[in-house]
Amino acid sequence: MEEKVLEILKNLFELETVDNTCSQATCEKWDSMMHLNLIVELEAEFGVSFEPEEIGEMQSYQDIIALLKKKL
């Protein structure tokens, strides 16, 4: 799961490299529209649905992993 999330982040934000420190604060392309694209990608890849409050909480790779672990 962790590797797939990193792959999604890398492809979506067009990054050469990505690691577990990726966040909205460190990735300039991670704006509100890209955040919605990220949610759609994650929901499709992992077959989950996120609640609005969960979507707002996902501000980093670590946040995404923690939330996915709860849902899977």
PDB file of N, CA and C in Angstrom:
ATOM      1  N   MET A   1       0.822  -1.187   0.000  1.00  0.00           N
ATOM      2  CA  MET A   1       0.000   0.000   0.000  1.00  0.00           C
ATOM      3  C   MET A   1       0.873   1.262   0.000  1.00  0.00           C
ATOM      4  N   GLU A   2       1.902   1.269   0.840  1.00  0.00           N
ATOM      5  CA  GLU A   2       2.756   2.450   0.936  1.00  0.00           C
ATOM      6  C   GLU A   2       3.410   2.792  -0.404  1.00  0.00           C
ATOM      7  N   GLU A   3       3.912   1.767  -1.085  1.00  0.00           N
ATOM      8  CA  GLU A   3       4.563   1.996  -2.379  1.00  0.00           C
ATOM      9  C   GLU A   3       3.571   2.517  -3.414  1.00  0.00           C
ATOM     10  N   LYS A   4       2.352   2.012  -3.395  1.00  0.00           N
ATOM     11  CA  LYS A   4       1.335   2.462  -4.349  1.00  0.00           C
ATOM     12  C   LYS A   4       0.974   3.920  -4.100  1.00  0.00           C
ATOM     13  N   VAL A   5       0.862   4.316  -2.834  1.00  0.00           N
ATOM     14  CA  VAL A   5       0.568   5.719  -2.515  1.00  0.00           C
ATOM     15  C   VAL A   5       1.711   6.610  -3.003  1.00  0.00           C
ATOM     16  N   LEU A   6       2.936   6.196  -2.778  1.00  0.00           N
ATOM     17  CA  LEU A   6       4.081   6.974  -3.270  1.00  0.00           C
ATOM     18  C   LEU A   6       4.044   7.098  -4.791  1.00  0.00           C
ATOM     19  N   GLU A   7       3.682   6.017  -5.469  1.00  0.00           N
ATOM     20  CA  GLU A   7       3.578   6.044  -6.931  1.00  0.00           C
ATOM     21  C   GLU A   7       2.493   7.019  -7.387  1.00  0.00           C
ATOM     22  N   ILE A   8       1.352   7.006  -6.715  1.00  0.00           N
ATOM     23  CA  ILE A   8       0.265   7.931  -7.053  1.00  0.00           C
ATOM     24  C   ILE A   8       0.724   9.372  -6.854  1.00  0.00           C
ATOM     25  N   LEU A   9       1.363   9.658  -5.725  1.00  0.00           N
ATOM     26  CA  LEU A   9       1.854  11.014  -5.461  1.00  0.00           C
ATOM     27  C   LEU A   9       2.867  11.439  -6.520  1.00  0.00           C
ATOM     28  N   LYS A  10       3.780  10.559  -6.851  1.00  0.00           N
ATOM     29  CA  LYS A  10       4.822  10.867  -7.840  1.00  0.00           C
ATOM     30  C   LYS A  10       4.208  11.185  -9.196  1.00  0.00           C
ATOM     31  N   ASN A  11       3.282  10.352  -9.640  1.00  0.00           N
ATOM     32  CA  ASN A  11       2.664  10.554 -10.953  1.00  0.00           C
ATOM     33  C   ASN A  11       1.749  11.768 -10.981  1.00  0.00           C
ATOM     34  N   LEU A  12       0.921  11.911  -9.974  1.00  0.00           N
ATOM     35  CA  LEU A  12      -0.058  12.997  -9.951  1.00  0.00           C
ATOM     36  C   LEU A  12       0.611  14.369  -9.875  1.00  0.00           C
ATOM     37  N   PHE A  13       1.633  14.469  -9.035  1.00  0.00           N
ATOM     38  CA  PHE A  13       2.300  15.757  -8.841  1.00  0.00           C
ATOM     39  C   PHE A  13       3.539  15.926  -9.720  1.00  0.00           C
ATOM     40  N   GLU A  14       3.739  14.957 -10.643  1.00  0.00           N
ATOM     41  CA  GLU A  14       4.841  15.013 -11.604  1.00  0.00           C
ATOM     42  C   GLU A  14       6.185  15.244 -10.918  1.00  0.00           C
ATOM     43  N   LEU A  15       6.469  14.405  -9.926  1.00  0.00           N
ATOM     44  CA  LEU A  15       7.707  14.513  -9.159  1.00  0.00           C
ATOM     45  C   LEU A  15       8.741  13.525  -9.690  1.00  0.00           C
ATOM     46  N   GLU A  16      10.000  13.921  -9.669  1.00  0.00           N
ATOM     47  CA  GLU A  16      11.072  13.001 -10.061  1.00  0.00           C
ATOM     48  C   GLU A  16      11.265  11.943  -8.992  1.00  0.00           C
ATOM     49  N   THR A  17      11.252  12.383  -7.749  1.00  0.00           N
ATOM     50  CA  THR A  17      11.362  11.461  -6.617  1.00  0.00           C
ATOM     51  C   THR A  17      10.341  11.864  -5.565  1.00  0.00           C
ATOM     52  N   VAL A  18       9.944  10.895  -4.780  1.00  0.00           N
ATOM     53  CA  VAL A  18       8.993  11.160  -3.703  1.00  0.00           C
ATOM     54  C   VAL A  18       9.323  10.216  -2.555  1.00  0.00           C
ATOM     55  N   ASP A  19       9.125  10.696  -1.334  1.00  0.00           N
ATOM     56  CA  ASP A  19       9.355   9.837  -0.177  1.00  0.00           C
ATOM     57  C   ASP A  19       8.279  10.105   0.870  1.00  0.00           C
ATOM     58  N   ASN A  20       8.458   9.539   2.042  1.00  0.00           N
ATOM     59  CA  ASN A  20       7.415   9.627   3.065  1.00  0.00           C
ATOM     60  C   ASN A  20       7.322  10.991   3.737  1.00  0.00           C
ATOM     61  N   THR A  21       8.091  11.970   3.267  1.00  0.00           N
ATOM     62  CA  THR A  21       7.971  13.323   3.809  1.00  0.00           C
ATOM     63  C   THR A  21       7.108  14.221   2.922  1.00  0.00           C
ATOM     64  N   CYS A  22       6.579  13.680   1.850  1.00  0.00           N
ATOM     65  CA  CYS A  22       5.750  14.457   0.919  1.00  0.00           C
ATOM     66  C   CYS A  22       4.508  14.986   1.636  1.00  0.00           C
ATOM     67  N   SER A  23       4.254  16.288   1.471  1.00  0.00           N
ATOM     68  CA  SER A  23       3.084  16.902   2.101  1.00  0.00           C
ATOM     69  C   SER A  23       2.656  18.128   1.300  1.00  0.00           C
ATOM     70  N   GLN A  24       1.517  18.692   1.684  1.00  0.00           N
ATOM     71  CA  GLN A  24       1.067  19.912   1.025  1.00  0.00           C
ATOM     72  C   GLN A  24       2.088  21.028   1.213  1.00  0.00           C
ATOM     73  N   ALA A  25       2.756  21.035   2.348  1.00  0.00           N
ATOM     74  CA  ALA A  25       3.737  22.079   2.641  1.00  0.00           C
ATOM     75  C   ALA A  25       5.010  21.944   1.805  1.00  0.00           C
ATOM     76  N   THR A  26       5.341  20.724   1.384  1.00  0.00           N
ATOM     77  CA  THR A  26       6.599  20.508   0.663  1.00  0.00           C
ATOM     78  C   THR A  26       6.428  20.300  -0.839  1.00  0.00           C
ATOM     79  N   CYS A  27       5.211  20.165  -1.305  1.00  0.00           N
ATOM     80  CA  CYS A  27       4.951  19.916  -2.727  1.00  0.00           C
ATOM     81  C   CYS A  27       4.148  21.076  -3.308  1.00  0.00           C
ATOM     82  N   GLU A  28       4.790  21.874  -4.141  1.00  0.00           N
ATOM     83  CA  GLU A  28       4.138  23.082  -4.647  1.00  0.00           C
ATOM     84  C   GLU A  28       2.931  22.798  -5.540  1.00  0.00           C
ATOM     85  N   LYS A  29       2.871  21.637  -6.174  1.00  0.00           N
ATOM     86  CA  LYS A  29       1.725  21.319  -7.038  1.00  0.00           C
ATOM     87  C   LYS A  29       0.520  20.798  -6.255  1.00  0.00           C
ATOM     88  N   TRP A  30       0.680  20.568  -4.959  1.00  0.00           N
ATOM     89  CA  TRP A  30      -0.400  20.015  -4.138  1.00  0.00           C
ATOM     90  C   TRP A  30      -1.311  21.159  -3.685  1.00  0.00           C
ATOM     91  N   ASP A  31      -2.157  21.619  -4.596  1.00  0.00           N
ATOM     92  CA  ASP A  31      -3.130  22.655  -4.269  1.00  0.00           C
ATOM     93  C   ASP A  31      -4.508  22.018  -4.104  1.00  0.00           C
ATOM     94  N   SER A  32      -5.541  22.829  -3.960  1.00  0.00           N
ATOM     95  CA  SER A  32      -6.876  22.287  -3.674  1.00  0.00           C
ATOM     96  C   SER A  32      -7.421  21.431  -4.817  1.00  0.00           C
ATOM     97  N   MET A  33      -7.179  21.821  -6.052  1.00  0.00           N
ATOM     98  CA  MET A  33      -7.657  21.017  -7.178  1.00  0.00           C
ATOM     99  C   MET A  33      -6.905  19.691  -7.269  1.00  0.00           C
ATOM    100  N   MET A  34      -5.602  19.737  -7.081  1.00  0.00           N
ATOM    101  CA  MET A  34      -4.817  18.508  -7.118  1.00  0.00           C
ATOM    102  C   MET A  34      -5.165  17.609  -5.935  1.00  0.00           C
ATOM    103  N   HIS A  35      -5.559  18.219  -4.829  1.00  0.00           N
ATOM    104  CA  HIS A  35      -5.970  17.427  -3.669  1.00  0.00           C
ATOM    105  C   HIS A  35      -7.208  16.599  -4.027  1.00  0.00           C
ATOM    106  N   LEU A  36      -8.149  17.204  -4.730  1.00  0.00           N
ATOM    107  CA  LEU A  36      -9.344  16.468  -5.158  1.00  0.00           C
ATOM    108  C   LEU A  36      -8.976  15.352  -6.129  1.00  0.00           C
ATOM    109  N   ASN A  37      -8.059  15.617  -7.042  1.00  0.00           N
ATOM    110  CA  ASN A  37      -7.589  14.571  -7.956  1.00  0.00           C
ATOM    111  C   ASN A  37      -6.937  13.430  -7.186  1.00  0.00           C
ATOM    112  N   LEU A  38      -6.174  13.778  -6.157  1.00  0.00           N
ATOM    113  CA  LEU A  38      -5.532  12.765  -5.319  1.00  0.00           C
ATOM    114  C   LEU A  38      -6.570  11.891  -4.629  1.00  0.00           C
ATOM    115  N   ILE A  39      -7.615  12.503  -4.104  1.00  0.00           N
ATOM    116  CA  ILE A  39      -8.678  11.750  -3.426  1.00  0.00           C
ATOM    117  C   ILE A  39      -9.327  10.767  -4.396  1.00  0.00           C
ATOM    118  N   VAL A  40      -9.640  11.235  -5.595  1.00  0.00           N
ATOM    119  CA  VAL A  40     -10.261  10.375  -6.612  1.00  0.00           C
ATOM    120  C   VAL A  40      -9.347   9.194  -6.933  1.00  0.00           C
ATOM    121  N   GLU A  41      -8.065   9.458  -7.111  1.00  0.00           N
ATOM    122  CA  GLU A  41      -7.098   8.389  -7.408  1.00  0.00           C
ATOM    123  C   GLU A  41      -7.028   7.375  -6.270  1.00  0.00           C
ATOM    124  N   LEU A  42      -6.957   7.859  -5.043  1.00  0.00           N
ATOM    125  CA  LEU A  42      -6.865   6.960  -3.890  1.00  0.00           C
ATOM    126  C   LEU A  42      -8.128   6.119  -3.740  1.00  0.00           C
ATOM    127  N   GLU A  43      -9.286   6.750  -3.909  1.00  0.00           N
ATOM    128  CA  GLU A  43     -10.546   6.011  -3.790  1.00  0.00           C
ATOM    129  C   GLU A  43     -10.641   4.927  -4.858  1.00  0.00           C
ATOM    130  N   ALA A  44     -10.240   5.249  -6.077  1.00  0.00           N
ATOM    131  CA  ALA A  44     -10.300   4.268  -7.165  1.00  0.00           C
ATOM    132  C   ALA A  44      -9.303   3.133  -6.942  1.00  0.00           C
ATOM    133  N   GLU A  45      -8.109   3.462  -6.542  1.00  0.00           N
ATOM    134  CA  GLU A  45      -7.053   2.456  -6.376  1.00  0.00           C
ATOM    135  C   GLU A  45      -7.337   1.500  -5.224  1.00  0.00           C
ATOM    136  N   PHE A  46      -7.840   2.033  -4.118  1.00  0.00           N
ATOM    137  CA  PHE A  46      -7.997   1.210  -2.919  1.00  0.00           C
ATOM    138  C   PHE A  46      -9.445   0.813  -2.634  1.00  0.00           C
ATOM    139  N   GLY A  47     -10.387   1.261  -3.459  1.00  0.00           N
ATOM    140  CA  GLY A  47     -11.781   0.872  -3.292  1.00  0.00           C
ATOM    141  C   GLY A  47     -12.394   1.366  -1.997  1.00  0.00           C
ATOM    142  N   VAL A  48     -12.045   2.575  -1.607  1.00  0.00           N
ATOM    143  CA  VAL A  48     -12.567   3.166  -0.376  1.00  0.00           C
ATOM    144  C   VAL A  48     -13.256   4.481  -0.705  1.00  0.00           C
ATOM    145  N   SER A  49     -14.008   4.988   0.254  1.00  0.00           N
ATOM    146  CA  SER A  49     -14.612   6.316   0.144  1.00  0.00           C
ATOM    147  C   SER A  49     -14.209   7.119   1.369  1.00  0.00           C
ATOM    148  N   PHE A  50     -13.893   8.371   1.151  1.00  0.00           N
ATOM    149  CA  PHE A  50     -13.484   9.238   2.247  1.00  0.00           C
ATOM    150  C   PHE A  50     -14.597  10.208   2.598  1.00  0.00           C
ATOM    151  N   GLU A  51     -14.771  10.443   3.877  1.00  0.00           N
ATOM    152  CA  GLU A  51     -15.722  11.432   4.371  1.00  0.00           C
ATOM    153  C   GLU A  51     -15.095  12.821   4.220  1.00  0.00           C
ATOM    154  N   PRO A  52     -15.930  13.862   4.126  1.00  0.00           N
ATOM    155  CA  PRO A  52     -15.384  15.216   3.956  1.00  0.00           C
ATOM    156  C   PRO A  52     -14.348  15.602   5.014  1.00  0.00           C
ATOM    157  N   GLU A  53     -14.592  15.239   6.269  1.00  0.00           N
ATOM    158  CA  GLU A  53     -13.624  15.603   7.312  1.00  0.00           C
ATOM    159  C   GLU A  53     -12.302  14.843   7.144  1.00  0.00           C
ATOM    160  N   GLU A  54     -12.372  13.621   6.612  1.00  0.00           N
ATOM    161  CA  GLU A  54     -11.154  12.851   6.356  1.00  0.00           C
ATOM    162  C   GLU A  54     -10.345  13.482   5.224  1.00  0.00           C
ATOM    163  N   ILE A  55     -11.043  13.958   4.222  1.00  0.00           N
ATOM    164  CA  ILE A  55     -10.376  14.592   3.081  1.00  0.00           C
ATOM    165  C   ILE A  55      -9.574  15.803   3.551  1.00  0.00           C
ATOM    166  N   GLY A  56     -10.147  16.572   4.454  1.00  0.00           N
ATOM    167  CA  GLY A  56      -9.451  17.737   4.995  1.00  0.00           C
ATOM    168  C   GLY A  56      -8.250  17.392   5.848  1.00  0.00           C
ATOM    169  N   GLU A  57      -8.270  16.205   6.438  1.00  0.00           N
ATOM    170  CA  GLU A  57      -7.173  15.773   7.312  1.00  0.00           C
ATOM    171  C   GLU A  57      -5.969  15.256   6.529  1.00  0.00           C
ATOM    172  N   MET A  58      -6.158  14.905   5.270  1.00  0.00           N
ATOM    173  CA  MET A  58      -5.077  14.313   4.475  1.00  0.00           C
ATOM    174  C   MET A  58      -4.172  15.403   3.914  1.00  0.00           C
ATOM    175  N   GLN A  59      -3.174  15.769   4.684  1.00  0.00           N
ATOM    176  CA  GLN A  59      -2.273  16.837   4.273  1.00  0.00           C
ATOM    177  C   GLN A  59      -0.854  16.356   4.016  1.00  0.00           C
ATOM    178  N   SER A  60      -0.633  15.048   4.162  1.00  0.00           N
ATOM    179  CA  SER A  60       0.706  14.506   3.925  1.00  0.00           C
ATOM    180  C   SER A  60       0.614  13.021   3.593  1.00  0.00           C
ATOM    181  N   TYR A  61       1.727  12.496   3.117  1.00  0.00           N
ATOM    182  CA  TYR A  61       1.820  11.058   2.861  1.00  0.00           C
ATOM    183  C   TYR A  61       1.482  10.287   4.134  1.00  0.00           C
ATOM    184  N   GLN A  62       2.042  10.713   5.253  1.00  0.00           N
ATOM    185  CA  GLN A  62       1.814  10.021   6.526  1.00  0.00           C
ATOM    186  C   GLN A  62       0.329  10.026   6.895  1.00  0.00           C
ATOM    187  N   ASP A  63      -0.357  11.146   6.682  1.00  0.00           N
ATOM    188  CA  ASP A  63      -1.798  11.233   6.961  1.00  0.00           C
ATOM    189  C   ASP A  63      -2.574  10.250   6.089  1.00  0.00           C
ATOM    190  N   ILE A  64      -2.204  10.172   4.819  1.00  0.00           N
ATOM    191  CA  ILE A  64      -2.887   9.276   3.880  1.00  0.00           C
ATOM    192  C   ILE A  64      -2.720   7.829   4.313  1.00  0.00           C
ATOM    193  N   ILE A  65      -1.505   7.438   4.647  1.00  0.00           N
ATOM    194  CA  ILE A  65      -1.237   6.062   5.061  1.00  0.00           C
ATOM    195  C   ILE A  65      -2.016   5.720   6.327  1.00  0.00           C
ATOM    196  N   ALA A  66      -2.002   6.609   7.303  1.00  0.00           N
ATOM    197  CA  ALA A  66      -2.720   6.355   8.558  1.00  0.00           C
ATOM    198  C   ALA A  66      -4.210   6.162   8.302  1.00  0.00           C
ATOM    199  N   LEU A  67      -4.778   6.988   7.449  1.00  0.00           N
ATOM    200  CA  LEU A  67      -6.205   6.888   7.153  1.00  0.00           C
ATOM    201  C   LEU A  67      -6.524   5.623   6.363  1.00  0.00           C
ATOM    202  N   LEU A  68      -5.704   5.295   5.391  1.00  0.00           N
ATOM    203  CA  LEU A  68      -5.937   4.073   4.617  1.00  0.00           C
ATOM    204  C   LEU A  68      -5.836   2.828   5.495  1.00  0.00           C
ATOM    205  N   LYS A  69      -4.914   2.824   6.436  1.00  0.00           N
ATOM    206  CA  LYS A  69      -4.776   1.671   7.335  1.00  0.00           C
ATOM    207  C   LYS A  69      -6.042   1.465   8.157  1.00  0.00           C
ATOM    208  N   LYS A  70      -6.715   2.547   8.512  1.00  0.00           N
ATOM    209  CA  LYS A  70      -7.981   2.439   9.251  1.00  0.00           C
ATOM    210  C   LYS A  70      -9.093   1.884   8.367  1.00  0.00           C
ATOM    211  N   LYS A  71      -9.046   2.217   7.080  1.00  0.00           N
ATOM    212  CA  LYS A  71     -10.129   1.853   6.167  1.00  0.00           C
ATOM    213  C   LYS A  71      -9.970   0.473   5.543  1.00  0.00           C
ATOM    214  N   LEU A  72      -8.741  -0.023   5.470  1.00  0.00           N
ATOM    215  CA  LEU A  72      -8.506  -1.305   4.802  1.00  0.00           C
ATOM    216  C   LEU A  72      -8.391  -2.442   5.795  1.00  0.00           C
TER     217      LEU A  72
END
